[in-house]
């Protein structure tokens, strides 16, 4: 059974909080090690980047399905979704428009027509979970958050703090350094202490809760639009 939107976010936050507790336990036990000659403690800290990257990957994998399930349960019409959603619900048309033949020209014209008529399109929204994918096999970065914001037509900014772009970029880079052995995990782990990593985890939790609030507000807006139709 698929999880709800809240369950997807709550699980992500729970995993990050657990990682924060792990780091705190090293501080309390003295395992952080001022004389970590062999790099055991540093390697343990490097693992935090893999955890953060993994949590983000799971979020971007499961969130689109949860959103699709929620929209499907509402039984709303196309006009109740932002026009940007045409890129999802009419994805077959976009795939047909990728060449320069006459069939592609027709497909492009049909897409433009759908955009122009979107505000009065009373057709029910077909299930679109198979066409709404954010986890694309690449390490999660800023583009994945931007895609979510653009597709849902969310207001304001995906960032909770101005520094969130740097936060996500650091997680992305160092997760790859460790997971793909681009750099020695000991060197990666020594670049930050437990408290600095704990601060990163806290900021990432704040970011995910910021996104959760916007997504749930968006969903409430679809329900309100349906009720007022």
Foldseek 3Di string as FASTA:
>chain_A
DADALVVLLVVLLVLLVVLLVVLVVCVVVVVCDPCPVVLPNLLSLLVLLLSNQVSVLSSQARNLVNLLVLLVVLQFFQLLADLLLCCQQVVVLVVQLPDDDPSNVVSVVVSVVCSVCRNVGRHTRDRRSVRRGLNDPAGDAPVSLVVVCSSRVFDDDLAPDPCVNVLRVVSRVSSCCVVVVVDDSSVVSVVDGSVVSSVSSVRVSVSSVVVSVRSVVSSVSSSVVRVVD
